[in-house]
Amino acid sequence: MIFTNLIETNLRTKELGKQIEYYQRIDSTNKEAWEIIDLEDITHGTIVITDNQLSGKGRNGNTWFMSPSKGLAMSIILKQSISIQDGLLIPIAAGAAIAKALENRGGNPKLKWPNDILINNKKCGGVLCETRIKNNCIKQMIIGIGLNVNETNNDFPDTLSKSATSLAIETNQSNQRELLCAIIATYFERLLYNLPSSLPIWKNYCNHINESVSFNQDGINQNGIFKGLDNDGRAIIQIDAKEILFNSITLR
């Protein structure tokens, strides 16, 4: 079980996490966050969190595995109007905040565009940023975060045993998920106040410059060489000797 009072005790934020919606068991924190936005007068910075996510969402309809009572599944709701330019940097800020938080807890994380959190070259987590845009401005954004925290090797299904890991596996110690949630939200809020500062942090954790990447953008599978990020947070991908820009936010 996750105790929201422990999250609140460890938060060092002005806005994020001042309201926390906890669910013992739900399909997806992102899905729940959108439903809350549509049905309730929810505050900016609300965190939706669960102890057991049954159908975690990844990019382009992919699913995310989470072991009950061991992983961290949370979504942060942003309800303030955000320019498209700033919005492109938010997934970068989220990745940077998560990497800093994992490092704070003894991990050695790396970031792989568009949304992977890696430790020891295995996937430990991911980020899914979904937006609603009106009049060329982001009106609402959900930052979904899924992390393997206290899973053991036996918790992963056979299909993931060679490609997935957890913070506990890599550090040989269990971690309080509430504390990790609070640290992520605290780092993330600091970067939100100065989004361009997230770029050098993200690049410092990136370990796949000039390496091949495969991803799906708008339903189309893409393959190319990752050349880095531009100043707006878009990935520079070399495809057939031509450099093309891609963003990592998802329209909903």
C-alpha atoms as a PDB file:
ATOM      1  CA  MET A   1       0.000   0.000   0.000  1.00  0.00           C
ATOM      2  CA  ILE A   2       1.131   3.536  -0.735  1.00  0.00           C
ATOM      3  CA  PHE A   3       0.719   6.113   2.039  1.00  0.00           C
ATOM      4  CA  THR A   4       0.031   9.588   0.680  1.00  0.00           C
ATOM      5  CA  ASN A   5       1.041  11.235   3.950  1.00  0.00           C
ATOM      6  CA  LEU A   6       4.595   9.933   3.409  1.00  0.00           C
ATOM      7  CA  ILE A   7       4.652  11.525  -0.041  1.00  0.00           C
ATOM      8  CA  GLU A   8       3.419  14.826   1.377  1.00  0.00           C
ATOM      9  CA  THR A   9       6.007  14.747   4.182  1.00  0.00           C
ATOM     10  CA  ASN A  10       8.881  14.441   1.708  1.00  0.00           C
ATOM     11  CA  LEU A  11       7.669  16.882  -0.944  1.00  0.00           C
ATOM     12  CA  ARG A  12       9.607  20.121  -1.376  1.00  0.00           C
ATOM     13  CA  THR A  13       7.270  21.706  -3.910  1.00  0.00           C
ATOM     14  CA  LYS A  14       5.077  24.773  -4.214  1.00  0.00           C
ATOM     15  CA  GLU A  15       2.398  23.264  -6.466  1.00  0.00           C
ATOM     16  CA  LEU A  16       3.039  19.688  -7.507  1.00  0.00           C
ATOM     17  CA  GLY A  17       1.550  17.081  -5.213  1.00  0.00           C
ATOM     18  CA  LYS A  18      -0.499  19.431  -3.083  1.00  0.00           C
ATOM     19  CA  GLN A  19      -3.418  17.210  -4.038  1.00  0.00           C
ATOM     20  CA  ILE A  20      -2.867  13.454  -4.332  1.00  0.00           C
ATOM     21  CA  GLU A  21      -5.429  10.988  -5.670  1.00  0.00           C
ATOM     22  CA  TYR A  22      -4.531   7.461  -4.534  1.00  0.00           C
ATOM     23  CA  TYR A  23      -6.115   4.305  -5.905  1.00  0.00           C
ATOM     24  CA  GLN A  24      -5.316   0.849  -4.619  1.00  0.00           C
ATOM     25  CA  ARG A  25      -5.974  -0.637  -8.063  1.00  0.00           C
ATOM     26  CA  ILE A  26      -6.767   0.967 -11.439  1.00  0.00           C
ATOM     27  CA  ASP A  27      -6.159   0.319 -15.117  1.00  0.00           C
ATOM     28  CA  SER A  28      -3.901   3.306 -15.800  1.00  0.00           C
ATOM     29  CA  THR A  29      -2.945   6.450 -13.905  1.00  0.00           C
ATOM     30  CA  ASN A  30      -2.951   8.454 -17.158  1.00  0.00           C
ATOM     31  CA  LYS A  31      -6.412   7.219 -18.059  1.00  0.00           C
ATOM     32  CA  GLU A  32      -7.656   7.992 -14.548  1.00  0.00           C
ATOM     33  CA  ALA A  33      -6.065  11.448 -14.661  1.00  0.00           C
ATOM     34  CA  TRP A  34      -7.965  12.357 -17.840  1.00  0.00           C
ATOM     35  CA  GLU A  35     -11.207  11.091 -16.328  1.00  0.00           C
ATOM     36  CA  ILE A  36     -10.607  13.195 -13.227  1.00  0.00           C
ATOM     37  CA  ILE A  37      -9.953  16.273 -15.363  1.00  0.00           C
ATOM     38  CA  ASP A  38     -13.200  15.718 -17.270  1.00  0.00           C
ATOM     39  CA  LEU A  39     -15.372  15.041 -14.238  1.00  0.00           C
ATOM     40  CA  GLU A  40     -13.925  17.102 -11.403  1.00  0.00           C
ATOM     41  CA  ASP A  41     -12.448  20.497 -10.602  1.00  0.00           C
ATOM     42  CA  ILE A  42      -8.969  19.119 -10.071  1.00  0.00           C
ATOM     43  CA  THR A  43      -6.083  21.421  -9.173  1.00  0.00           C
ATOM     44  CA  HIS A  44      -2.946  22.036 -11.191  1.00  0.00           C
ATOM     45  CA  GLY A  45      -0.143  19.746 -10.027  1.00  0.00           C
ATOM     46  CA  THR A  46      -2.368  16.937  -8.759  1.00  0.00           C
ATOM     47  CA  ILE A  47      -0.635  13.544  -8.594  1.00  0.00           C
ATOM     48  CA  VAL A  48      -2.578  10.390  -9.431  1.00  0.00           C
ATOM     49  CA  ILE A  49      -0.895   7.291  -8.023  1.00  0.00           C
ATOM     50  CA  THR A  50      -1.745   3.618  -7.601  1.00  0.00           C
ATOM     51  CA  ASP A  51      -0.396   0.548  -5.868  1.00  0.00           C
ATOM     52  CA  ASN A  52      -1.466  -1.773  -8.672  1.00  0.00           C
ATOM     53  CA  GLN A  53      -1.693  -0.604 -12.288  1.00  0.00           C
ATOM     54  CA  LEU A  54      -3.404  -3.251 -14.398  1.00  0.00           C
ATOM     55  CA  SER A  55      -2.984  -1.804 -17.898  1.00  0.00           C
ATOM     56  CA  GLY A  56      -0.131   0.678 -17.843  1.00  0.00           C
ATOM     57  CA  LYS A  57       0.100   2.803 -20.984  1.00  0.00           C
ATOM     58  CA  GLY A  58       3.192   3.221 -23.124  1.00  0.00           C
ATOM     59  CA  ARG A  59       3.708   5.124 -26.345  1.00  0.00           C
ATOM     60  CA  ASN A  60       1.498   4.220 -29.319  1.00  0.00           C
ATOM     61  CA  GLY A  61      -0.730   1.873 -27.355  1.00  0.00           C
ATOM     62  CA  ASN A  62       2.038  -0.245 -25.874  1.00  0.00           C
ATOM     63  CA  THR A  63       1.577  -1.609 -22.367  1.00  0.00           C
ATOM     64  CA  TRP A  64       3.796  -1.225 -19.316  1.00  0.00           C
ATOM     65  CA  PHE A  65       4.360  -4.077 -16.849  1.00  0.00           C
ATOM     66  CA  MET A  66       4.115  -3.278 -13.158  1.00  0.00           C
ATOM     67  CA  SER A  67       4.408  -5.704 -10.275  1.00  0.00           C
ATOM     68  CA  PRO A  68       1.690  -4.998  -7.652  1.00  0.00           C
ATOM     69  CA  SER A  69       2.937  -3.200  -4.539  1.00  0.00           C
ATOM     70  CA  LYS A  70       6.487  -3.045  -5.914  1.00  0.00           C
ATOM     71  CA  GLY A  71       6.498  -0.610  -8.841  1.00  0.00           C
ATOM     72  CA  LEU A  72       5.706   3.081  -9.019  1.00  0.00           C
ATOM     73  CA  ALA A  73       2.911   4.222 -11.316  1.00  0.00           C
ATOM     74  CA  MET A  74       2.000   7.907 -11.139  1.00  0.00           C
ATOM     75  CA  SER A  75       0.713  10.734 -13.276  1.00  0.00           C
ATOM     76  CA  ILE A  76       1.177  14.462 -12.752  1.00  0.00           C
ATOM     77  CA  ILE A  77      -1.586  16.757 -14.000  1.00  0.00           C
ATOM     78  CA  LEU A  78      -0.624  20.133 -15.490  1.00  0.00           C
ATOM     79  CA  LYS A  79      -3.621  22.409 -16.032  1.00  0.00           C
ATOM     80  CA  GLN A  80      -1.927  25.710 -16.737  1.00  0.00           C
ATOM     81  CA  SER A  81      -1.699  26.885 -20.352  1.00  0.00           C
ATOM     82  CA  ILE A  82       1.663  25.955 -21.857  1.00  0.00           C
ATOM     83  CA  SER A  83       3.125  27.103 -25.151  1.00  0.00           C
ATOM     84  CA  ILE A  84       3.895  24.400 -27.688  1.00  0.00           C
ATOM     85  CA  GLN A  85       7.575  25.336 -27.493  1.00  0.00           C
ATOM     86  CA  ASP A  86       7.664  24.858 -23.724  1.00  0.00           C
ATOM     87  CA  GLY A  87       5.547  21.716 -23.993  1.00  0.00           C
ATOM     88  CA  LEU A  88       8.159  20.016 -26.151  1.00  0.00           C
ATOM     89  CA  LEU A  89      10.653  20.393 -23.302  1.00  0.00           C
ATOM     90  CA  ILE A  90       8.428  18.886 -20.619  1.00  0.00           C
ATOM     91  CA  PRO A  91       9.147  15.210 -21.500  1.00  0.00           C
ATOM     92  CA  ILE A  92      12.835  16.120 -21.396  1.00  0.00           C
ATOM     93  CA  ALA A  93      12.388  17.706 -17.957  1.00  0.00           C
ATOM     94  CA  ALA A  94      10.461  14.646 -16.735  1.00  0.00           C
ATOM     95  CA  GLY A  95      13.196  12.269 -17.881  1.00  0.00           C
ATOM     96  CA  ALA A  96      15.879  14.423 -16.296  1.00  0.00           C
ATOM     97  CA  ALA A  97      13.957  14.598 -12.996  1.00  0.00           C
ATOM     98  CA  ILE A  98      13.478  10.825 -12.879  1.00  0.00           C
ATOM     99  CA  ALA A  99      17.149  10.179 -13.630  1.00  0.00           C
ATOM    100  CA  LYS A 100      18.214  12.582 -10.878  1.00  0.00           C
ATOM    101  CA  ALA A 101      15.821  10.909  -8.439  1.00  0.00           C
ATOM    102  CA  LEU A 102      17.095   7.413  -9.249  1.00  0.00           C
ATOM    103  CA  GLU A 103      20.667   8.613  -8.868  1.00  0.00           C
ATOM    104  CA  ASN A 104      19.695  10.131  -5.524  1.00  0.00           C
ATOM    105  CA  ARG A 105      18.602   6.657  -4.406  1.00  0.00           C
ATOM    106  CA  GLY A 106      21.834   4.969  -5.485  1.00  0.00           C
ATOM    107  CA  GLY A 107      21.064   4.056  -9.093  1.00  0.00           C
ATOM    108  CA  ASN A 108      23.150   4.749 -12.184  1.00  0.00           C
ATOM    109  CA  PRO A 109      20.418   5.696 -14.670  1.00  0.00           C
ATOM    110  CA  LYS A 110      20.648   6.515 -18.359  1.00  0.00           C
ATOM    111  CA  LEU A 111      18.071   8.078 -20.664  1.00  0.00           C
ATOM    112  CA  LYS A 112      17.139   6.871 -24.127  1.00  0.00           C
ATOM    113  CA  TRP A 113      14.925   8.910 -26.421  1.00  0.00           C
ATOM    114  CA  PRO A 114      11.982   9.053 -26.661  1.00  0.00           C
ATOM    115  CA  ASN A 115      10.981   7.892 -23.179  1.00  0.00           C
ATOM    116  CA  ASP A 116      13.087   5.067 -21.745  1.00  0.00           C
ATOM    117  CA  ILE A 117      14.739   5.039 -18.319  1.00  0.00           C
ATOM    118  CA  LEU A 118      17.613   2.552 -18.251  1.00  0.00           C
ATOM    119  CA  ILE A 119      19.904   1.087 -15.625  1.00  0.00           C
ATOM    120  CA  ASN A 120      22.720  -1.228 -16.676  1.00  0.00           C
ATOM    121  CA  ASN A 121      21.376  -1.143 -20.249  1.00  0.00           C
ATOM    122  CA  LYS A 122      18.037  -2.597 -19.148  1.00  0.00           C
ATOM    123  CA  LYS A 123      14.731  -0.768 -19.046  1.00  0.00           C
ATOM    124  CA  CYS A 124      13.727   0.400 -15.583  1.00  0.00           C
ATOM    125  CA  GLY A 125      10.958   2.821 -16.500  1.00  0.00           C
ATOM    126  CA  GLY A 126       9.372   5.165 -18.968  1.00  0.00           C
ATOM    127  CA  VAL A 127       7.514   8.438 -19.430  1.00  0.00           C
ATOM    128  CA  LEU A 128       4.303   9.093 -21.374  1.00  0.00           C
ATOM    129  CA  CYS A 129       3.328  12.749 -21.840  1.00  0.00           C
ATOM    130  CA  GLU A 130      -0.168  13.257 -23.254  1.00  0.00           C
ATOM    131  CA  THR A 131      -1.560  16.664 -24.193  1.00  0.00           C
ATOM    132  CA  ARG A 132      -4.712  18.455 -25.238  1.00  0.00           C
ATOM    133  CA  ILE A 133      -4.108  21.408 -27.521  1.00  0.00           C
ATOM    134  CA  LYS A 134      -6.476  24.258 -28.332  1.00  0.00           C
ATOM    135  CA  ASN A 135      -5.736  27.420 -30.299  1.00  0.00           C
ATOM    136  CA  ASN A 136      -2.134  26.354 -30.764  1.00  0.00           C
ATOM    137  CA  CYS A 137      -1.589  26.130 -27.001  1.00  0.00           C
ATOM    138  CA  ILE A 138      -1.391  23.184 -24.621  1.00  0.00           C
ATOM    139  CA  LYS A 139      -4.325  23.459 -22.230  1.00  0.00           C
ATOM    140  CA  GLN A 140      -3.777  20.248 -20.277  1.00  0.00           C
ATOM    141  CA  MET A 141      -0.908  17.799 -20.012  1.00  0.00           C
ATOM    142  CA  ILE A 142      -0.532  14.497 -18.187  1.00  0.00           C
ATOM    143  CA  ILE A 143       2.958  13.244 -17.367  1.00  0.00           C
ATOM    144  CA  GLY A 144       2.704   9.509 -16.814  1.00  0.00           C
ATOM    145  CA  ILE A 145       5.615   7.813 -15.074  1.00  0.00           C
ATOM    146  CA  GLY A 146       6.155   4.087 -14.671  1.00  0.00           C
ATOM    147  CA  LEU A 147       9.148   2.756 -12.732  1.00  0.00           C
ATOM    148  CA  ASN A 148      10.300  -0.642 -11.587  1.00  0.00           C
ATOM    149  CA  VAL A 149      11.330   0.015  -8.002  1.00  0.00           C
ATOM    150  CA  ASN A 150      11.318  -3.040  -5.737  1.00  0.00           C
ATOM    151  CA  GLU A 151      10.792  -5.864  -8.235  1.00  0.00           C
ATOM    152  CA  THR A 152      13.050  -8.905  -8.081  1.00  0.00           C
ATOM    153  CA  ASN A 153      14.160 -10.927 -11.082  1.00  0.00           C
ATOM    154  CA  ASN A 154      11.409 -13.436 -10.382  1.00  0.00           C
ATOM    155  CA  ASP A 155       8.713 -10.761 -10.685  1.00  0.00           C
ATOM    156  CA  PHE A 156       9.269 -10.150 -14.388  1.00  0.00           C
ATOM    157  CA  PRO A 157       7.565 -12.352 -16.976  1.00  0.00           C
ATOM    158  CA  ASP A 158       9.866 -14.456 -19.145  1.00  0.00           C
ATOM    159  CA  THR A 159       9.420 -12.072 -22.084  1.00  0.00           C
ATOM    160  CA  LEU A 160      10.973  -9.230 -20.046  1.00  0.00           C
ATOM    161  CA  SER A 161      13.512 -11.071 -17.910  1.00  0.00           C
ATOM    162  CA  LYS A 162      16.470 -10.171 -20.141  1.00  0.00           C
ATOM    163  CA  SER A 163      15.470  -6.605 -20.987  1.00  0.00           C
ATOM    164  CA  ALA A 164      13.951  -5.230 -17.757  1.00  0.00           C
ATOM    165  CA  THR A 165      15.370  -4.391 -14.354  1.00  0.00           C
ATOM    166  CA  SER A 166      14.456  -2.501 -11.192  1.00  0.00           C
ATOM    167  CA  LEU A 167      16.119  -0.036  -8.862  1.00  0.00           C
ATOM    168  CA  ALA A 168      16.233  -2.727  -6.161  1.00  0.00           C
ATOM    169  CA  ILE A 169      17.952  -5.237  -8.441  1.00  0.00           C
ATOM    170  CA  GLU A 170      20.603  -2.719  -9.437  1.00  0.00           C
ATOM    171  CA  THR A 171      21.254  -1.262  -5.972  1.00  0.00           C
ATOM    172  CA  ASN A 172      20.686  -4.425  -3.888  1.00  0.00           C
ATOM    173  CA  GLN A 173      18.303  -2.607  -1.596  1.00  0.00           C
ATOM    174  CA  SER A 174      14.595  -1.873  -1.407  1.00  0.00           C
ATOM    175  CA  ASN A 175      13.293   1.671  -1.690  1.00  0.00           C
ATOM    176  CA  GLN A 176      10.352   3.540  -0.224  1.00  0.00           C
ATOM    177  CA  ARG A 177       8.145   4.325  -3.212  1.00  0.00           C
ATOM    178  CA  GLU A 178       6.552   7.300  -1.491  1.00  0.00           C
ATOM    179  CA  LEU A 179       9.957   8.918  -1.035  1.00  0.00           C
ATOM    180  CA  LEU A 180      10.898   8.277  -4.662  1.00  0.00           C
ATOM    181  CA  CYS A 181       7.606   9.817  -5.809  1.00  0.00           C
ATOM    182  CA  ALA A 182       8.264  12.936  -3.733  1.00  0.00           C
ATOM    183  CA  ILE A 183      11.837  13.302  -4.996  1.00  0.00           C
ATOM    184  CA  ILE A 184      10.717  12.994  -8.627  1.00  0.00           C
ATOM    185  CA  ALA A 185       7.978  15.604  -8.167  1.00  0.00           C
ATOM    186  CA  THR A 186      10.390  17.967  -6.397  1.00  0.00           C
ATOM    187  CA  TYR A 187      13.065  17.742  -9.099  1.00  0.00           C
ATOM    188  CA  PHE A 188      10.435  17.983 -11.838  1.00  0.00           C
ATOM    189  CA  GLU A 189       8.901  21.161 -10.424  1.00  0.00           C
ATOM    190  CA  ARG A 190      12.302  22.827 -10.225  1.00  0.00           C
ATOM    191  CA  LEU A 191      12.893  22.068 -13.903  1.00  0.00           C
ATOM    192  CA  LEU A 192       9.406  23.268 -14.849  1.00  0.00           C
ATOM    193  CA  TYR A 193      10.347  26.725 -13.578  1.00  0.00           C
ATOM    194  CA  ASN A 194      13.341  26.762 -15.940  1.00  0.00           C
ATOM    195  CA  LEU A 195      12.657  24.290 -18.744  1.00  0.00           C
ATOM    196  CA  PRO A 196      15.762  25.068 -20.865  1.00  0.00           C
ATOM    197  CA  SER A 197      17.919  23.968 -17.916  1.00  0.00           C
ATOM    198  CA  SER A 198      16.619  20.414 -18.377  1.00  0.00           C
ATOM    199  CA  LEU A 199      18.409  20.019 -21.721  1.00  0.00           C
ATOM    200  CA  PRO A 200      22.014  19.748 -20.437  1.00  0.00           C
ATOM    201  CA  ILE A 201      20.842  17.492 -17.606  1.00  0.00           C
ATOM    202  CA  TRP A 202      19.044  15.147 -20.014  1.00  0.00           C
ATOM    203  CA  LYS A 203      22.047  15.102 -22.357  1.00  0.00           C
ATOM    204  CA  ASN A 204      24.337  14.250 -19.431  1.00  0.00           C
ATOM    205  CA  TYR A 205      22.297  11.086 -18.769  1.00  0.00           C
ATOM    206  CA  CYS A 206      21.913  10.152 -22.449  1.00  0.00           C
ATOM    207  CA  ASN A 207      24.030   7.210 -23.579  1.00  0.00           C
ATOM    208  CA  HIS A 208      23.013   6.619 -27.196  1.00  0.00           C
ATOM    209  CA  ILE A 209      24.305   9.554 -29.262  1.00  0.00           C
ATOM    210  CA  ASN A 210      25.076   8.384 -32.823  1.00  0.00           C
ATOM    211  CA  GLU A 211      23.392   5.042 -32.196  1.00  0.00           C
ATOM    212  CA  SER A 212      20.425   3.471 -33.974  1.00  0.00           C
ATOM    213  CA  VAL A 213      16.913   4.055 -32.622  1.00  0.00           C
ATOM    214  CA  SER A 214      13.570   2.573 -33.613  1.00  0.00           C
ATOM    215  CA  PHE A 215      10.310   4.263 -32.688  1.00  0.00           C
ATOM    216  CA  ASN A 216       6.756   4.847 -33.825  1.00  0.00           C
ATOM    217  CA  GLN A 217       5.639   8.362 -34.700  1.00  0.00           C
ATOM    218  CA  ASP A 218       2.008   9.001 -35.653  1.00  0.00           C
ATOM    219  CA  GLY A 219       1.518   5.342 -36.468  1.00  0.00           C
ATOM    220  CA  ILE A 220       4.596   5.086 -38.671  1.00  0.00           C
ATOM    221  CA  ASN A 221       7.615   3.005 -37.676  1.00  0.00           C
ATOM    222  CA  GLN A 222      10.828   4.989 -37.965  1.00  0.00           C
ATOM    223  CA  ASN A 223      14.456   3.886 -37.861  1.00  0.00           C
ATOM    224  CA  GLY A 224      17.460   6.173 -37.794  1.00  0.00           C
ATOM    225  CA  ILE A 225      20.527   7.451 -35.982  1.00  0.00           C
ATOM    226  CA  PHE A 226      19.965   9.561 -32.862  1.00  0.00           C
ATOM    227  CA  LYS A 227      22.090  12.708 -33.214  1.00  0.00           C
ATOM    228  CA  GLY A 228      20.912  14.527 -30.062  1.00  0.00           C
ATOM    229  CA  LEU A 229      18.324  17.151 -29.113  1.00  0.00           C
ATOM    230  CA  ASP A 230      17.752  20.615 -30.521  1.00  0.00           C
ATOM    231  CA  ASN A 231      17.148  23.618 -28.263  1.00  0.00           C
ATOM    232  CA  ASP A 232      13.392  22.947 -28.241  1.00  0.00           C
ATOM    233  CA  GLY A 233      13.803  19.388 -26.961  1.00  0.00           C
ATOM    234  CA  ARG A 234      13.110  17.694 -30.281  1.00  0.00           C
ATOM    235  CA  ALA A 235      15.157  14.667 -31.280  1.00  0.00           C
ATOM    236  CA  ILE A 236      17.452  15.012 -34.274  1.00  0.00           C
ATOM    237  CA  ILE A 237      17.202  11.728 -36.157  1.00  0.00           C
ATOM    238  CA  GLN A 238      19.323  10.977 -39.203  1.00  0.00           C
ATOM    239  CA  ILE A 239      17.298   9.001 -41.729  1.00  0.00           C
ATOM    240  CA  ASP A 240      18.787   8.274 -45.154  1.00  0.00           C
ATOM    241  CA  ALA A 241      21.461  10.969 -44.743  1.00  0.00           C
ATOM    242  CA  LYS A 242      18.832  13.578 -43.853  1.00  0.00           C
ATOM    243  CA  GLU A 243      18.311  14.996 -40.351  1.00  0.00           C
ATOM    244  CA  ILE A 244      14.654  15.116 -39.279  1.00  0.00           C
ATOM    245  CA  LEU A 245      13.170  16.522 -36.064  1.00  0.00           C
ATOM    246  CA  PHE A 246      10.748  14.509 -33.894  1.00  0.00           C
ATOM    247  CA  ASN A 247       9.025  15.422 -30.630  1.00  0.00           C
ATOM    248  CA  SER A 248       8.122  13.043 -27.803  1.00  0.00           C
ATOM    249  CA  ILE A 249       4.721  14.313 -26.670  1.00  0.00           C
ATOM    250  CA  THR A 250       1.494  12.513 -27.546  1.00  0.00           C
ATOM    251  CA  LEU A 251      -1.664  14.321 -28.616  1.00  0.00           C
ATOM    252  CA  ARG A 252      -4.857  12.976 -27.115  1.00  0.00           C
END
